[in-house]
Amino acid sequence: MYTFITFSESAETKREKLPEIMHIFLLRENYYTNLDRVL
């Protein structure tokens, strides 16, 4: 979903949104890593 939104917008908007998207992916990875640790 996020990639689709980014691709359909201009390069400038992409550069602005990239940190947000990376942040979301990092949060999701951390969440799953912590989940594995708990289980």
N, C-alpha and C. Protein backbone atom coordinates (compact mmCIF):
# COMPACT_ATOMS: atom_id res chain seq x y z
N MET A 1 0.84 -1.20 0.00
CA MET A 1 0.00 0.00 0.00
C MET A 1 0.87 1.25 0.00
N TYR A 2 1.84 1.28 0.90
CA TYR A 2 2.71 2.46 0.99
C TYR A 2 3.53 2.64 -0.28
N THR A 3 4.02 1.53 -0.83
CA THR A 3 4.83 1.63 -2.05
C THR A 3 4.00 2.15 -3.19
N PHE A 4 2.74 1.70 -3.27
CA PHE A 4 1.85 2.16 -4.34
C PHE A 4 1.65 3.66 -4.24
N ILE A 5 1.40 4.16 -3.04
CA ILE A 5 1.21 5.60 -2.82
C ILE A 5 2.47 6.35 -3.25
N THR A 6 3.63 5.82 -2.88
CA THR A 6 4.88 6.52 -3.20
C THR A 6 5.12 6.55 -4.70
N PHE A 7 4.88 5.42 -5.37
CA PHE A 7 5.15 5.36 -6.80
C PHE A 7 4.26 6.31 -7.59
N SER A 8 3.04 6.52 -7.10
CA SER A 8 2.09 7.34 -7.85
C SER A 8 2.30 8.83 -7.60
N GLU A 9 3.26 9.19 -6.78
CA GLU A 9 3.51 10.60 -6.50
C GLU A 9 4.86 11.03 -7.06
N SER A 10 5.11 12.33 -7.00
CA SER A 10 6.33 12.88 -7.58
C SER A 10 7.57 12.48 -6.78
N ALA A 11 8.74 12.67 -7.37
CA ALA A 11 10.00 12.29 -6.73
C ALA A 11 10.22 13.09 -5.44
N GLU A 12 9.83 14.34 -5.44
CA GLU A 12 10.01 15.17 -4.25
C GLU A 12 9.19 14.64 -3.08
N THR A 13 7.95 14.30 -3.37
CA THR A 13 7.09 13.75 -2.32
C THR A 13 7.65 12.42 -1.84
N LYS A 14 8.19 11.64 -2.75
CA LYS A 14 8.80 10.36 -2.38
C LYS A 14 9.90 10.58 -1.36
N ARG A 15 10.77 11.55 -1.65
CA ARG A 15 11.91 11.80 -0.76
C ARG A 15 11.43 12.24 0.62
N GLU A 16 10.31 12.97 0.66
CA GLU A 16 9.78 13.40 1.95
C GLU A 16 9.18 12.24 2.73
N LYS A 17 8.53 11.34 2.00
CA LYS A 17 7.80 10.26 2.67
C LYS A 17 8.67 9.05 2.98
N LEU A 18 9.81 8.95 2.34
CA LEU A 18 10.66 7.77 2.52
C LEU A 18 11.01 7.52 3.99
N PRO A 19 11.46 8.54 4.74
CA PRO A 19 11.77 8.31 6.16
C PRO A 19 10.57 7.77 6.94
N GLU A 20 9.38 8.28 6.64
CA GLU A 20 8.16 7.79 7.31
C GLU A 20 7.96 6.32 7.03
N ILE A 21 8.08 5.95 5.76
CA ILE A 21 7.86 4.57 5.35
C ILE A 21 8.90 3.65 6.00
N MET A 22 10.17 4.07 5.98
CA MET A 22 11.22 3.27 6.59
C MET A 22 10.96 3.11 8.08
N HIS A 23 10.48 4.19 8.71
CA HIS A 23 10.18 4.16 10.14
C HIS A 23 9.10 3.11 10.44
N ILE A 24 8.08 3.09 9.59
CA ILE A 24 6.99 2.12 9.76
C ILE A 24 7.53 0.70 9.63
N PHE A 25 8.37 0.47 8.61
CA PHE A 25 8.92 -0.87 8.41
C PHE A 25 9.79 -1.28 9.58
N LEU A 26 10.60 -0.35 10.10
CA LEU A 26 11.46 -0.65 11.24
C LEU A 26 10.63 -0.98 12.47
N LEU A 27 9.59 -0.20 12.70
CA LEU A 27 8.71 -0.46 13.85
C LEU A 27 8.10 -1.85 13.74
N ARG A 28 7.66 -2.20 12.53
CA ARG A 28 7.03 -3.50 12.32
C ARG A 28 8.03 -4.62 12.55
N GLU A 29 9.26 -4.44 12.08
CA GLU A 29 10.30 -5.46 12.29
C GLU A 29 10.60 -5.63 13.77
N ASN A 30 10.75 -4.50 14.47
CA ASN A 30 11.02 -4.55 15.91
C ASN A 30 9.90 -5.25 16.65
N TYR A 31 8.67 -4.97 16.23
CA TYR A 31 7.51 -5.58 16.87
C TYR A 31 7.57 -7.10 16.75
N TYR A 32 7.85 -7.58 15.54
CA TYR A 32 7.89 -9.03 15.33
C TYR A 32 9.08 -9.66 16.03
N THR A 33 10.20 -8.95 16.09
CA THR A 33 11.37 -9.49 16.78
C THR A 33 11.08 -9.64 18.27
N ASN A 34 10.45 -8.62 18.85
CA ASN A 34 10.09 -8.70 20.27
C ASN A 34 9.07 -9.80 20.52
N LEU A 35 8.16 -9.96 19.58
CA LEU A 35 7.14 -11.00 19.69
C LEU A 35 7.80 -12.38 19.71
N ASP A 36 8.78 -12.58 18.83
CA ASP A 36 9.51 -13.85 18.79
C ASP A 36 10.22 -14.10 20.11
N ARG A 37 10.78 -13.04 20.67
CA ARG A 37 11.53 -13.17 21.92
C ARG A 37 10.59 -13.60 23.05
N VAL A 38 9.38 -13.03 23.05
CA VAL A 38 8.41 -13.36 24.10
C VAL A 38 7.95 -14.81 23.95
N LEU A 39 7.66 -15.22 22.71
CA LEU A 39 7.23 -16.59 22.47
C LEU A 39 8.44 -17.51 22.54
